[in-house]
Amino acid sequence: MTESTYVLTVQEQKTFLAALNYFLAEELLTLSTQLGLPATGQRHEIIERIYRLVTTPTKAARHSLPKASLAQEGATYPLNKKTLIVKGAYNTNAATKNFLKRLAGADFYFSASSQDWIAARWQQGKPPTYDEFARYWKGEQAQKAQAKVAPPEDWAYHTFEQTFMIKNPGATKKELADAWAVLRAKQIAVVKDFLAKMTLPLR
């Protein structure tokens, strides 16, 4: 398959990520399999895995990154606190995750926002070290805890239900369910449309 040169804008990335939250758990597993990704892990891990696939620049788009952010031929990039995280050498594999757990804490995971932070640093030509990344991640988690912004897995439905019932106080359970089904269908379509733009057809 020819690689796509289409890169989602920041707003499109947010829209795509939000739409994924309307998928049921089994639908996420199916989508992950269709995209050739592992169908394992918790719900948030599957969502972030799909998100990274879509938002990670392809080889065709890598020329837009400054040279300082790209892995250099012949260079080695060991898992070390002072090692730069550069495109082409950075992996979100088990070894990297375990290393970052030692730096950031046992609860470390590859959050979508932290991957966005790395991508932003690449665009600036200022790739971070693993130590910098770990410190950023810990700060990010502290802010989330303080603001209590981590939503439950079914936040999308609860938000919809509250809004719908405020606007339609006399609605029946069937009307609520039907409206939710329509909204979910629209969000699923949003995801498929973005995948089509990225030339990532479902198997």
C-alpha atoms as a PDB file:
ATOM      1  CA  MET A   1       0.000   0.000   0.000  1.00  0.00           C
ATOM      2  CA  THR A   2       1.302   3.447  -0.891  1.00  0.00           C
ATOM      3  CA  GLU A   3       1.922   5.559   2.177  1.00  0.00           C
ATOM      4  CA  SER A   4      -0.313   8.574   2.679  1.00  0.00           C
ATOM      5  CA  THR A   5       1.192  12.041   2.839  1.00  0.00           C
ATOM      6  CA  TYR A   6      -1.984  13.334   4.492  1.00  0.00           C
ATOM      7  CA  VAL A   7      -1.322  14.523   8.031  1.00  0.00           C
ATOM      8  CA  LEU A   8      -4.191  15.244  10.395  1.00  0.00           C
ATOM      9  CA  THR A   9      -4.349  18.744  11.818  1.00  0.00           C
ATOM     10  CA  VAL A  10      -4.291  19.188  15.590  1.00  0.00           C
ATOM     11  CA  GLN A  11      -8.064  19.745  15.585  1.00  0.00           C
ATOM     12  CA  GLU A  12      -8.635  16.658  13.438  1.00  0.00           C
ATOM     13  CA  GLN A  13      -6.526  14.610  15.836  1.00  0.00           C
ATOM     14  CA  LYS A  14      -8.701  15.773  18.743  1.00  0.00           C
ATOM     15  CA  THR A  15     -11.867  14.970  16.790  1.00  0.00           C
ATOM     16  CA  PHE A  16     -10.557  11.508  15.896  1.00  0.00           C
ATOM     17  CA  LEU A  17      -9.579  10.731  19.489  1.00  0.00           C
ATOM     18  CA  ALA A  18     -12.943  11.903  20.826  1.00  0.00           C
ATOM     19  CA  ALA A  19     -14.797   9.786  18.268  1.00  0.00           C
ATOM     20  CA  LEU A  20     -12.922   6.642  19.346  1.00  0.00           C
ATOM     21  CA  ASN A  21     -14.466   6.981  22.801  1.00  0.00           C
ATOM     22  CA  TYR A  22     -17.911   6.257  21.340  1.00  0.00           C
ATOM     23  CA  PHE A  23     -16.835   2.758  20.285  1.00  0.00           C
ATOM     24  CA  LEU A  24     -17.868  -0.207  22.405  1.00  0.00           C
ATOM     25  CA  ALA A  25     -15.062  -2.362  23.799  1.00  0.00           C
ATOM     26  CA  GLU A  26     -15.702  -5.165  21.323  1.00  0.00           C
ATOM     27  CA  GLU A  27     -15.798  -2.660  18.452  1.00  0.00           C
ATOM     28  CA  LEU A  28     -12.412  -1.293  19.489  1.00  0.00           C
ATOM     29  CA  LEU A  29     -10.974  -4.803  19.515  1.00  0.00           C
ATOM     30  CA  THR A  30     -12.370  -5.452  16.044  1.00  0.00           C
ATOM     31  CA  LEU A  31     -11.057  -2.127  14.710  1.00  0.00           C
ATOM     32  CA  SER A  32      -7.643  -2.807  16.201  1.00  0.00           C
ATOM     33  CA  THR A  33      -7.511  -6.195  14.479  1.00  0.00           C
ATOM     34  CA  GLN A  34      -8.670  -4.708  11.181  1.00  0.00           C
ATOM     35  CA  LEU A  35      -5.837  -2.181  11.344  1.00  0.00           C
ATOM     36  CA  GLY A  36      -3.283  -4.903  11.977  1.00  0.00           C
ATOM     37  CA  LEU A  37      -2.730  -3.855  15.594  1.00  0.00           C
ATOM     38  CA  PRO A  38      -2.684  -6.097  18.681  1.00  0.00           C
ATOM     39  CA  ALA A  39      -6.194  -6.587  20.076  1.00  0.00           C
ATOM     40  CA  THR A  40      -5.005  -6.718  23.661  1.00  0.00           C
ATOM     41  CA  GLY A  41      -4.857  -4.454  26.674  1.00  0.00           C
ATOM     42  CA  GLN A  42      -7.279  -2.187  28.456  1.00  0.00           C
ATOM     43  CA  ARG A  43      -9.711   0.089  26.660  1.00  0.00           C
ATOM     44  CA  HIS A  44      -7.569   3.221  26.958  1.00  0.00           C
ATOM     45  CA  GLU A  45      -4.512   1.328  25.704  1.00  0.00           C
ATOM     46  CA  ILE A  46      -6.347   0.137  22.588  1.00  0.00           C
ATOM     47  CA  ILE A  47      -7.649   3.648  21.892  1.00  0.00           C
ATOM     48  CA  GLU A  48      -4.190   5.182  22.253  1.00  0.00           C
ATOM     49  CA  ARG A  49      -2.638   2.457  20.078  1.00  0.00           C
ATOM     50  CA  ILE A  50      -5.076   3.277  17.267  1.00  0.00           C
ATOM     51  CA  TYR A  51      -4.579   7.003  17.830  1.00  0.00           C
ATOM     52  CA  ARG A  52      -0.793   6.701  17.562  1.00  0.00           C
ATOM     53  CA  LEU A  53      -1.096   4.709  14.331  1.00  0.00           C
ATOM     54  CA  VAL A  54      -3.094   7.517  12.742  1.00  0.00           C
ATOM     55  CA  THR A  55      -1.152  10.473  14.166  1.00  0.00           C
ATOM     56  CA  THR A  56       2.414   9.189  13.807  1.00  0.00           C
ATOM     57  CA  PRO A  57       3.986  10.794  10.713  1.00  0.00           C
ATOM     58  CA  THR A  58       4.617   8.348   7.867  1.00  0.00           C
ATOM     59  CA  LYS A  59       7.998   7.959   6.227  1.00  0.00           C
ATOM     60  CA  ALA A  60       6.717  10.131   3.386  1.00  0.00           C
ATOM     61  CA  ALA A  61       6.014  12.951   5.829  1.00  0.00           C
ATOM     62  CA  ARG A  62       9.197  12.624   7.868  1.00  0.00           C
ATOM     63  CA  HIS A  63      11.105  14.989   5.597  1.00  0.00           C
ATOM     64  CA  SER A  64       9.189  17.825   7.225  1.00  0.00           C
ATOM     65  CA  LEU A  65      10.919  17.167  10.555  1.00  0.00           C
ATOM     66  CA  PRO A  66      14.200  18.946  11.340  1.00  0.00           C
ATOM     67  CA  LYS A  67      17.308  16.810  10.973  1.00  0.00           C
ATOM     68  CA  ALA A  68      17.981  17.096  14.701  1.00  0.00           C
ATOM     69  CA  SER A  69      14.774  15.162  15.395  1.00  0.00           C
ATOM     70  CA  LEU A  70      15.607  12.232  13.111  1.00  0.00           C
ATOM     71  CA  ALA A  71      17.716   9.173  13.911  1.00  0.00           C
ATOM     72  CA  GLN A  72      21.091   9.417  12.222  1.00  0.00           C
ATOM     73  CA  GLU A  73      22.465   6.535  10.191  1.00  0.00           C
ATOM     74  CA  GLY A  74      25.027   4.548  12.160  1.00  0.00           C
ATOM     75  CA  ALA A  75      24.143   6.191  15.469  1.00  0.00           C
ATOM     76  CA  THR A  76      22.918   4.191  18.467  1.00  0.00           C
ATOM     77  CA  TYR A  77      20.206   5.288  20.853  1.00  0.00           C
ATOM     78  CA  PRO A  78      20.334   3.134  24.011  1.00  0.00           C
ATOM     79  CA  LEU A  79      17.670   3.338  26.697  1.00  0.00           C
ATOM     80  CA  ASN A  80      19.414   5.852  28.915  1.00  0.00           C
ATOM     81  CA  LYS A  81      18.236   8.920  30.832  1.00  0.00           C
ATOM     82  CA  LYS A  82      20.362  11.244  28.691  1.00  0.00           C
ATOM     83  CA  THR A  83      19.570   9.600  25.335  1.00  0.00           C
ATOM     84  CA  LEU A  84      17.588  11.762  22.934  1.00  0.00           C
ATOM     85  CA  ILE A  85      14.193  10.485  21.821  1.00  0.00           C
ATOM     86  CA  VAL A  86      14.369  10.835  18.038  1.00  0.00           C
ATOM     87  CA  LYS A  87      12.093   9.772  15.202  1.00  0.00           C
ATOM     88  CA  GLY A  88      13.215   6.476  13.737  1.00  0.00           C
ATOM     89  CA  ALA A  89      14.801   5.175  16.936  1.00  0.00           C
ATOM     90  CA  TYR A  90      11.985   5.701  19.428  1.00  0.00           C
ATOM     91  CA  ASN A  91       9.707   2.707  20.038  1.00  0.00           C
ATOM     92  CA  THR A  92       6.648   2.251  22.228  1.00  0.00           C
ATOM     93  CA  ASN A  93       7.546  -1.371  22.856  1.00  0.00           C
ATOM     94  CA  ALA A  94       7.732  -3.356  26.085  1.00  0.00           C
ATOM     95  CA  ALA A  95      11.426  -2.619  26.659  1.00  0.00           C
ATOM     96  CA  THR A  96      10.890   1.139  26.368  1.00  0.00           C
ATOM     97  CA  LYS A  97       7.799   1.006  28.549  1.00  0.00           C
ATOM     98  CA  ASN A  98       9.621  -0.928  31.280  1.00  0.00           C
ATOM     99  CA  PHE A  99      12.542   1.510  31.142  1.00  0.00           C
ATOM    100  CA  LEU A 100      10.205   4.502  31.453  1.00  0.00           C
ATOM    101  CA  LYS A 101       8.446   2.836  34.381  1.00  0.00           C
ATOM    102  CA  ARG A 102      11.762   2.989  36.208  1.00  0.00           C
ATOM    103  CA  LEU A 103      12.047   6.703  35.448  1.00  0.00           C
ATOM    104  CA  ALA A 104       8.433   7.847  35.716  1.00  0.00           C
ATOM    105  CA  GLY A 105       6.882   5.286  38.048  1.00  0.00           C
ATOM    106  CA  ALA A 106       5.259   1.876  37.911  1.00  0.00           C
ATOM    107  CA  ASP A 107       1.984   3.290  36.556  1.00  0.00           C
ATOM    108  CA  PHE A 108       3.606   4.711  33.401  1.00  0.00           C
ATOM    109  CA  TYR A 109       1.826   4.184  30.102  1.00  0.00           C
ATOM    110  CA  PHE A 110       2.113   5.793  26.659  1.00  0.00           C
ATOM    111  CA  SER A 111      -0.600   8.431  26.893  1.00  0.00           C
ATOM    112  CA  ALA A 112      -1.818  10.097  23.719  1.00  0.00           C
ATOM    113  CA  SER A 113      -1.032  13.569  25.061  1.00  0.00           C
ATOM    114  CA  SER A 114       2.528  12.617  25.996  1.00  0.00           C
ATOM    115  CA  GLN A 115       3.106  11.278  22.476  1.00  0.00           C
ATOM    116  CA  ASP A 116       1.771  14.570  21.120  1.00  0.00           C
ATOM    117  CA  TRP A 117       4.321  16.355  23.316  1.00  0.00           C
ATOM    118  CA  ILE A 118       7.162  14.330  21.811  1.00  0.00           C
ATOM    119  CA  ALA A 119       5.867  15.024  18.286  1.00  0.00           C
ATOM    120  CA  ALA A 120       5.715  18.748  19.074  1.00  0.00           C
ATOM    121  CA  ARG A 121       9.322  18.673  20.305  1.00  0.00           C
ATOM    122  CA  TRP A 122      10.331  16.927  17.074  1.00  0.00           C
ATOM    123  CA  GLN A 123       8.646  19.617  15.018  1.00  0.00           C
ATOM    124  CA  GLN A 124      10.634  22.216  16.958  1.00  0.00           C
ATOM    125  CA  GLY A 125      13.883  20.355  16.305  1.00  0.00           C
ATOM    126  CA  LYS A 126      14.329  19.866  20.053  1.00  0.00           C
ATOM    127  CA  PRO A 127      13.935  16.141  20.764  1.00  0.00           C
ATOM    128  CA  PRO A 128      13.707  15.462  24.515  1.00  0.00           C
ATOM    129  CA  THR A 129      15.821  13.055  26.510  1.00  0.00           C
ATOM    130  CA  TYR A 130      14.152  10.109  28.220  1.00  0.00           C
ATOM    131  CA  ASP A 131      14.646  11.876  31.534  1.00  0.00           C
ATOM    132  CA  GLU A 132      12.873  14.984  30.241  1.00  0.00           C
ATOM    133  CA  PHE A 133      10.043  12.846  28.907  1.00  0.00           C
ATOM    134  CA  ALA A 134       9.641  11.042  32.245  1.00  0.00           C
ATOM    135  CA  ARG A 135       9.512  14.362  34.098  1.00  0.00           C
ATOM    136  CA  TYR A 136       6.934  15.700  31.628  1.00  0.00           C
ATOM    137  CA  TRP A 137       4.792  12.571  32.027  1.00  0.00           C
ATOM    138  CA  LYS A 138       4.846  12.784  35.835  1.00  0.00           C
ATOM    139  CA  GLY A 139       3.862  16.432  35.667  1.00  0.00           C
ATOM    140  CA  GLU A 140       1.062  15.641  33.255  1.00  0.00           C
ATOM    141  CA  GLN A 141      -0.324  12.949  35.558  1.00  0.00           C
ATOM    142  CA  ALA A 142      -0.122  15.263  38.570  1.00  0.00           C
ATOM    143  CA  GLN A 143      -2.145  17.891  36.710  1.00  0.00           C
ATOM    144  CA  LYS A 144      -4.761  15.330  35.742  1.00  0.00           C
ATOM    145  CA  ALA A 145      -5.069  14.136  39.321  1.00  0.00           C
ATOM    146  CA  GLN A 146      -5.398  17.667  40.645  1.00  0.00           C
ATOM    147  CA  ALA A 147      -7.979  18.659  38.043  1.00  0.00           C
ATOM    148  CA  LYS A 148      -9.705  15.270  38.187  1.00  0.00           C
ATOM    149  CA  VAL A 149      -9.878  15.254  34.402  1.00  0.00           C
ATOM    150  CA  ALA A 150      -9.532  11.510  33.894  1.00  0.00           C
ATOM    151  CA  PRO A 151     -13.017  10.529  32.659  1.00  0.00           C
ATOM    152  CA  PRO A 152     -14.572   7.096  33.233  1.00  0.00           C
ATOM    153  CA  GLU A 153     -14.659   4.744  30.273  1.00  0.00           C
ATOM    154  CA  ASP A 154     -18.354   5.442  29.703  1.00  0.00           C
ATOM    155  CA  TRP A 155     -18.040   9.236  30.007  1.00  0.00           C
ATOM    156  CA  ALA A 156     -19.234   9.725  26.424  1.00  0.00           C
ATOM    157  CA  TYR A 157     -22.578   8.058  27.142  1.00  0.00           C
ATOM    158  CA  HIS A 158     -23.111   9.796  30.487  1.00  0.00           C
ATOM    159  CA  THR A 159     -22.330  13.186  28.970  1.00  0.00           C
ATOM    160  CA  PHE A 160     -24.754  12.506  26.135  1.00  0.00           C
ATOM    161  CA  GLU A 161     -27.457  11.205  28.481  1.00  0.00           C
ATOM    162  CA  GLN A 162     -27.294  14.261  30.732  1.00  0.00           C
ATOM    163  CA  THR A 163     -27.395  16.690  27.814  1.00  0.00           C
ATOM    164  CA  PHE A 164     -30.183  14.806  26.036  1.00  0.00           C
ATOM    165  CA  MET A 165     -32.414  14.616  29.098  1.00  0.00           C
ATOM    166  CA  ILE A 166     -31.947  18.311  29.841  1.00  0.00           C
ATOM    167  CA  LYS A 167     -33.023  19.150  26.300  1.00  0.00           C
ATOM    168  CA  ASN A 168     -35.729  16.461  26.217  1.00  0.00           C
ATOM    169  CA  PRO A 169     -37.044  16.090  29.803  1.00  0.00           C
ATOM    170  CA  GLY A 170     -40.008  13.957  28.752  1.00  0.00           C
ATOM    171  CA  ALA A 171     -38.024  11.541  26.575  1.00  0.00           C
ATOM    172  CA  THR A 172     -38.552   7.808  26.959  1.00  0.00           C
ATOM    173  CA  LYS A 173     -35.743   5.282  27.428  1.00  0.00           C
ATOM    174  CA  LYS A 174     -36.278   4.139  23.848  1.00  0.00           C
ATOM    175  CA  GLU A 175     -35.925   7.677  22.524  1.00  0.00           C
ATOM    176  CA  LEU A 176     -32.730   8.071  24.526  1.00  0.00           C
ATOM    177  CA  ALA A 177     -31.365   4.783  23.217  1.00  0.00           C
ATOM    178  CA  ASP A 178     -32.296   5.620  19.620  1.00  0.00           C
ATOM    179  CA  ALA A 179     -30.637   9.048  19.823  1.00  0.00           C
ATOM    180  CA  TRP A 180     -27.506   7.485  21.333  1.00  0.00           C
ATOM    181  CA  ALA A 181     -27.390   4.926  18.519  1.00  0.00           C
ATOM    182  CA  VAL A 182     -27.572   7.711  15.926  1.00  0.00           C
ATOM    183  CA  LEU A 183     -24.763   9.656  17.594  1.00  0.00           C
ATOM    184  CA  ARG A 184     -22.572   6.558  17.903  1.00  0.00           C
ATOM    185  CA  ALA A 185     -23.091   5.791  14.216  1.00  0.00           C
ATOM    186  CA  LYS A 186     -21.973   9.319  13.324  1.00  0.00           C
ATOM    187  CA  GLN A 187     -18.845   9.034  15.480  1.00  0.00           C
ATOM    188  CA  ILE A 188     -17.963   5.650  14.002  1.00  0.00           C
ATOM    189  CA  ALA A 189     -18.321   7.213  10.548  1.00  0.00           C
ATOM    190  CA  VAL A 190     -15.960  10.014  11.606  1.00  0.00           C
ATOM    191  CA  VAL A 191     -13.283   7.465  12.480  1.00  0.00           C
ATOM    192  CA  LYS A 192     -13.718   5.569   9.219  1.00  0.00           C
ATOM    193  CA  ASP A 193     -13.561   8.806   7.215  1.00  0.00           C
ATOM    194  CA  PHE A 194     -10.255   9.747   8.833  1.00  0.00           C
ATOM    195  CA  LEU A 195      -8.868   6.266   8.218  1.00  0.00           C
ATOM    196  CA  ALA A 196      -9.819   6.618   4.562  1.00  0.00           C
ATOM    197  CA  LYS A 197      -7.961   9.959   4.398  1.00  0.00           C
ATOM    198  CA  MET A 198      -4.908   8.281   5.871  1.00  0.00           C
ATOM    199  CA  THR A 199      -5.228   5.452   3.324  1.00  0.00           C
ATOM    200  CA  LEU A 200      -5.631   2.981   6.181  1.00  0.00           C
ATOM    201  CA  PRO A 201      -8.461   0.790   4.843  1.00  0.00           C
ATOM    202  CA  LEU A 202     -10.080  -1.704   7.191  1.00  0.00           C
ATOM    203  CA  ARG A 203      -9.308  -5.336   6.420  1.00  0.00           C
END
